[in-house]
Amino acid sequence: MLQVTPNGPFGRERHPALPVLLHEVLHDLGECVRAGADGVHLHARDAAGAESLDPTVVAQTCAAVREVGRECGVDLEVGLTTGAWIVPDVTQRVAMVREWEGVDCATVNVGEPGFETVMATLVDAGIGVDAGVWAPAEVDALVASGLLPHLTRVSVELSPGEPYRLTGDPRQVAADVWQRLDAAGVACARLTHGDGTFTWPLVREAFALGHHTRVGFEDSVQLPDGRIATGNADLVRAAVDLRAAA
């Protein structure tokens, strides 16, 4: 799967063409699907453009996004974030997640307090669980949760610098995570990607190993050659070219 991440938690300070409001996301996503994306990781926004986990906002967003996929003839996987910064209180967050409709898979960051509760809520709601692992040490917490049999996917998400102080070749850091997952017997699908300067080395590595991966303004606004993309579809097209080469 080539997933597109059109906005993340960011606004137009990241890129003038970053889509914030729903109609902007839908237009952008149509271009990305036509360019080759077959999955989307969304940060749903309310009418004012603020990130939201509200079930009404999520249902409206997912239904509209799924219609874009149908119009493009693609069975689009619709994924959401469950980021703790959006609703810090775990009890309130899981109450919202429990009422979600139209979500195929949701990413839960293993480094966030209460991640086990959020994952268990997704399982009960029949929503796929994507475990976001941001550093090798987080694999231990994921294993200790006892939720490995319920995972749909593990996303290896690596960022240079703080807070994990990751340096060097991102492929070596990712290999450490993969080895720990292998040792723990994790057999579900894997999505490997990175932020900033880690983005394109890990996209290439994901394609070489047959992992899912993702691109989009949430991760980087730069193309593989360092130029600034004009839109998310440019990043998708670049990834498609790399996949063909791999």
Protein backbone atom coordinates (compact mmCIF):
# COMPACT_ATOMS: atom_id res chain seq x y z
CA MET A 1 0.00 0.00 0.00
CA LEU A 2 1.08 3.53 -0.77
CA GLN A 3 -0.60 5.71 1.81
CA VAL A 4 -0.87 9.49 1.57
CA THR A 5 -0.81 11.72 4.64
CA PRO A 6 -2.17 15.04 3.36
CA ASN A 7 -1.94 17.27 6.42
CA GLY A 8 -1.14 15.73 9.79
CA PRO A 9 -1.38 18.21 12.69
CA PHE A 10 -0.02 21.05 10.58
CA GLY A 11 -1.39 24.18 8.93
CA ARG A 12 -0.37 26.27 5.95
CA GLU A 13 2.78 27.41 7.71
CA ARG A 14 4.16 24.03 6.63
CA HIS A 15 3.19 24.45 2.96
CA PRO A 16 0.81 26.93 1.25
CA ALA A 17 -1.02 24.07 -0.47
CA LEU A 18 -1.51 21.94 2.64
CA PRO A 19 -5.23 20.99 2.79
CA VAL A 20 -6.97 21.85 6.06
CA LEU A 21 -10.74 22.09 5.51
CA LEU A 22 -12.65 19.04 4.32
CA HIS A 23 -13.34 20.28 0.80
CA GLU A 24 -9.62 21.00 0.42
CA VAL A 25 -8.70 17.53 1.67
CA LEU A 26 -11.15 15.89 -0.72
CA HIS A 27 -9.84 17.77 -3.75
CA ASP A 28 -6.24 17.04 -2.77
CA LEU A 29 -7.00 13.39 -2.08
CA GLY A 30 -8.64 12.92 -5.48
CA GLU A 31 -5.41 14.06 -7.13
CA CYS A 32 -3.38 11.76 -4.89
CA VAL A 33 -5.51 8.70 -5.63
CA ARG A 34 -5.31 9.36 -9.35
CA ALA A 35 -1.53 9.66 -8.91
CA GLY A 36 -1.35 6.22 -7.32
CA ALA A 37 -2.23 6.37 -3.61
CA ASP A 38 -4.48 3.57 -2.35
CA GLY A 39 -4.61 4.48 1.33
CA VAL A 40 -4.98 7.66 3.36
CA HIS A 41 -3.97 8.57 6.91
CA LEU A 42 -6.11 11.49 8.03
CA HIS A 43 -6.18 14.01 10.82
CA ALA A 44 -9.88 14.84 10.71
CA ARG A 45 -10.72 18.55 11.08
CA ASP A 46 -13.83 20.35 12.24
CA ALA A 47 -15.44 23.25 10.37
CA ALA A 48 -12.87 25.66 11.83
CA GLY A 49 -9.94 23.50 10.73
CA ALA A 50 -9.04 22.20 14.19
CA GLU A 51 -8.12 18.55 14.65
CA SER A 52 -11.02 16.52 15.99
CA LEU A 53 -11.85 13.00 17.15
CA ASP A 54 -15.55 13.83 17.45
CA PRO A 55 -17.61 10.92 16.03
CA THR A 56 -19.79 13.23 13.92
CA VAL A 57 -16.77 14.91 12.33
CA VAL A 58 -15.08 11.54 11.79
CA ALA A 59 -18.15 9.96 10.18
CA GLN A 60 -18.66 12.89 7.83
CA THR A 61 -14.99 12.94 6.88
CA CYS A 62 -14.68 9.22 6.29
CA ALA A 63 -17.86 9.00 4.21
CA ALA A 64 -16.70 11.85 1.97
CA VAL A 65 -13.20 10.40 1.63
CA ARG A 66 -14.56 6.97 0.77
CA GLU A 67 -16.69 8.54 -1.96
CA VAL A 68 -13.53 10.04 -3.48
CA GLY A 69 -12.07 6.55 -3.64
CA ARG A 70 -15.18 5.19 -5.34
CA GLU A 71 -15.16 7.99 -7.89
CA CYS A 72 -11.54 7.14 -8.69
CA GLY A 73 -12.26 3.40 -8.86
CA VAL A 74 -10.01 2.65 -5.87
CA ASP A 75 -10.91 0.69 -2.74
CA LEU A 76 -9.27 3.27 -0.51
CA GLU A 77 -8.17 2.30 3.00
CA VAL A 78 -9.34 5.10 5.30
CA GLY A 79 -7.11 5.53 8.35
CA LEU A 80 -7.19 8.07 11.17
CA THR A 81 -4.94 9.19 13.96
CA THR A 82 -5.86 8.81 17.63
CA GLY A 83 -3.22 11.34 18.70
CA ALA A 84 -3.28 12.09 22.41
CA TRP A 85 -2.62 15.80 21.83
CA ILE A 86 -6.08 16.13 20.24
CA VAL A 87 -7.97 14.85 23.28
CA PRO A 88 -5.46 14.41 26.15
CA ASP A 89 -7.86 12.70 28.55
CA VAL A 90 -7.81 8.97 27.76
CA THR A 91 -11.34 8.37 29.04
CA GLN A 92 -12.78 11.10 26.82
CA ARG A 93 -10.71 9.94 23.86
CA VAL A 94 -11.83 6.31 24.00
CA ALA A 95 -15.46 7.40 24.48
CA MET A 96 -15.18 9.21 21.14
CA VAL A 97 -13.30 6.41 19.39
CA ARG A 98 -15.92 3.88 20.54
CA GLU A 99 -18.52 5.76 18.46
CA TRP A 100 -16.49 6.06 15.27
CA GLU A 101 -17.99 4.92 11.99
CA GLY A 102 -16.42 4.46 8.58
CA VAL A 103 -12.83 4.04 9.82
CA ASP A 104 -10.87 1.07 8.45
CA CYS A 105 -7.78 1.45 10.59
CA ALA A 106 -6.51 3.87 13.23
CA THR A 107 -2.95 4.59 14.30
CA VAL A 108 -2.14 4.52 18.01
CA ASN A 109 1.25 5.85 19.08
CA VAL A 110 2.84 3.34 21.45
CA GLY A 111 4.74 6.13 23.19
CA GLU A 112 1.54 7.82 24.40
CA PRO A 113 0.14 7.10 27.87
CA GLY A 114 -2.89 4.84 27.74
CA PHE A 115 -2.12 3.44 24.31
CA GLU A 116 -3.23 -0.02 25.47
CA THR A 117 -6.69 1.28 26.36
CA VAL A 118 -7.07 3.04 23.01
CA MET A 119 -6.00 -0.09 21.11
CA ALA A 120 -8.39 -2.30 23.06
CA THR A 121 -11.22 0.15 22.32
CA LEU A 122 -10.48 -0.02 18.60
CA VAL A 123 -10.53 -3.82 18.73
CA ASP A 124 -13.91 -3.78 20.49
CA ALA A 125 -15.23 -1.30 17.90
CA GLY A 126 -14.12 -3.50 15.00
CA ILE A 127 -11.57 -0.96 13.76
CA GLY A 128 -8.13 -2.10 12.62
CA VAL A 129 -5.24 -1.28 14.95
CA ASP A 130 -2.10 0.30 13.51
CA ALA A 131 0.58 0.43 16.21
CA GLY A 132 2.87 3.43 15.72
CA VAL A 133 6.41 2.62 16.88
CA TRP A 134 8.72 5.65 16.94
CA ALA A 135 11.86 4.08 18.43
CA PRO A 136 13.31 0.57 18.93
CA ALA A 137 12.69 0.64 22.69
CA GLU A 138 8.93 1.05 22.13
CA VAL A 139 8.72 -2.50 20.80
CA ASP A 140 9.11 -3.77 24.38
CA ALA A 141 6.06 -1.78 25.52
CA LEU A 142 4.06 -3.05 22.56
CA VAL A 143 4.95 -6.67 23.36
CA ALA A 144 4.14 -6.17 27.05
CA SER A 145 0.67 -4.85 26.17
CA GLY A 146 -0.49 -8.34 25.16
CA LEU A 147 -2.21 -6.86 22.12
CA LEU A 148 0.06 -8.27 19.41
CA PRO A 149 -2.53 -10.83 18.21
CA HIS A 150 -5.02 -8.02 17.61
CA LEU A 151 -2.83 -5.74 15.48
CA THR A 152 -3.66 -5.06 11.86
CA ARG A 153 -0.33 -3.42 11.20
CA VAL A 154 2.78 -1.99 12.82
CA SER A 155 3.91 1.38 11.52
CA VAL A 156 7.62 2.01 11.99
CA GLU A 157 7.69 5.80 12.16
CA LEU A 158 11.14 7.33 12.54
CA SER A 159 12.06 11.01 12.98
CA PRO A 160 15.58 12.43 13.19
CA GLY A 161 16.50 14.27 16.37
CA GLU A 162 14.23 14.83 19.36
CA PRO A 163 12.53 13.36 21.26
CA TYR A 164 14.17 10.02 20.47
CA ARG A 165 17.56 11.41 19.42
CA LEU A 166 17.67 9.17 16.37
CA THR A 167 20.75 9.77 14.26
CA GLY A 168 22.71 8.09 11.51
CA ASP A 169 21.33 5.91 8.74
CA PRO A 170 17.55 5.62 9.23
CA ARG A 171 17.63 2.23 7.53
CA GLN A 172 19.79 0.86 10.34
CA VAL A 173 17.44 2.26 12.99
CA ALA A 174 14.48 0.72 11.16
CA ALA A 175 16.32 -2.60 10.90
CA ASP A 176 16.70 -2.61 14.68
CA VAL A 177 12.94 -2.17 15.05
CA TRP A 178 12.18 -4.90 12.49
CA GLN A 179 14.56 -7.33 14.23
CA ARG A 180 12.87 -6.71 17.57
CA LEU A 181 9.46 -7.24 15.99
CA ASP A 182 10.68 -10.47 14.41
CA ALA A 183 12.08 -11.68 17.72
CA ALA A 184 8.71 -11.00 19.36
CA GLY A 185 6.93 -13.02 16.68
CA VAL A 186 5.05 -10.05 15.21
CA ALA A 187 3.71 -11.37 11.92
CA CYS A 188 1.24 -8.64 10.87
CA ALA A 189 1.79 -6.21 8.02
CA ARG A 190 4.36 -3.44 8.38
CA LEU A 191 4.36 0.15 7.17
CA THR A 192 7.74 1.85 7.22
CA HIS A 193 8.18 5.58 6.83
CA GLY A 194 10.10 8.56 8.19
CA ASP A 195 9.89 12.29 8.76
CA GLY A 196 12.06 14.99 7.26
CA THR A 197 15.42 13.72 6.01
CA PHE A 198 14.41 10.16 6.97
CA THR A 199 11.46 10.19 4.54
CA TRP A 200 12.86 9.08 1.22
CA PRO A 201 15.54 6.64 2.45
CA LEU A 202 12.81 4.76 4.34
CA VAL A 203 10.34 4.90 1.44
CA ARG A 204 13.00 3.29 -0.76
CA GLU A 205 13.76 0.68 1.90
CA ALA A 206 10.08 -0.10 2.38
CA PHE A 207 9.62 -0.79 -1.31
CA ALA A 208 12.79 -2.92 -1.41
CA LEU A 209 11.49 -5.07 1.47
CA GLY A 210 7.87 -5.22 0.38
CA HIS A 211 6.52 -3.12 3.25
CA HIS A 212 3.70 -0.62 3.01
CA THR A 213 4.84 3.00 3.13
CA ARG A 214 3.50 6.52 3.02
CA VAL A 215 4.27 10.04 1.81
CA GLY A 216 2.61 13.41 2.25
CA PHE A 217 2.96 16.84 3.76
CA GLU A 218 2.64 15.36 7.24
CA ASP A 219 6.05 13.74 6.76
CA SER A 220 7.91 15.96 4.30
CA VAL A 221 7.22 18.68 1.74
CA GLN A 222 10.35 17.78 -0.22
CA LEU A 223 10.73 15.53 -3.25
CA PRO A 224 13.56 12.97 -3.40
CA ASP A 225 15.82 15.47 -5.19
CA GLY A 226 15.27 18.12 -2.51
CA ARG A 227 12.85 20.31 -4.44
CA ILE A 228 9.69 21.47 -2.69
CA ALA A 229 6.62 19.66 -3.95
CA THR A 230 3.76 21.76 -5.29
CA GLY A 231 1.22 19.39 -3.75
CA ASN A 232 0.77 16.01 -2.12
CA ALA A 233 0.17 14.41 -5.51
CA ASP A 234 3.74 15.30 -6.51
CA LEU A 235 5.00 13.27 -3.55
CA VAL A 236 2.76 10.34 -4.48
CA ARG A 237 4.01 10.37 -8.07
CA ALA A 238 7.62 10.40 -6.85
CA ALA A 239 6.91 7.42 -4.62
CA VAL A 240 5.22 5.55 -7.47
CA ASP A 241 8.35 6.08 -9.56
CA LEU A 242 10.52 4.70 -6.76
CA ARG A 243 8.23 1.69 -6.38
CA ALA A 244 8.54 0.96 -10.10
CA ALA A 245 12.32 1.18 -9.85
CA ALA A 246 12.35 -1.15 -6.84
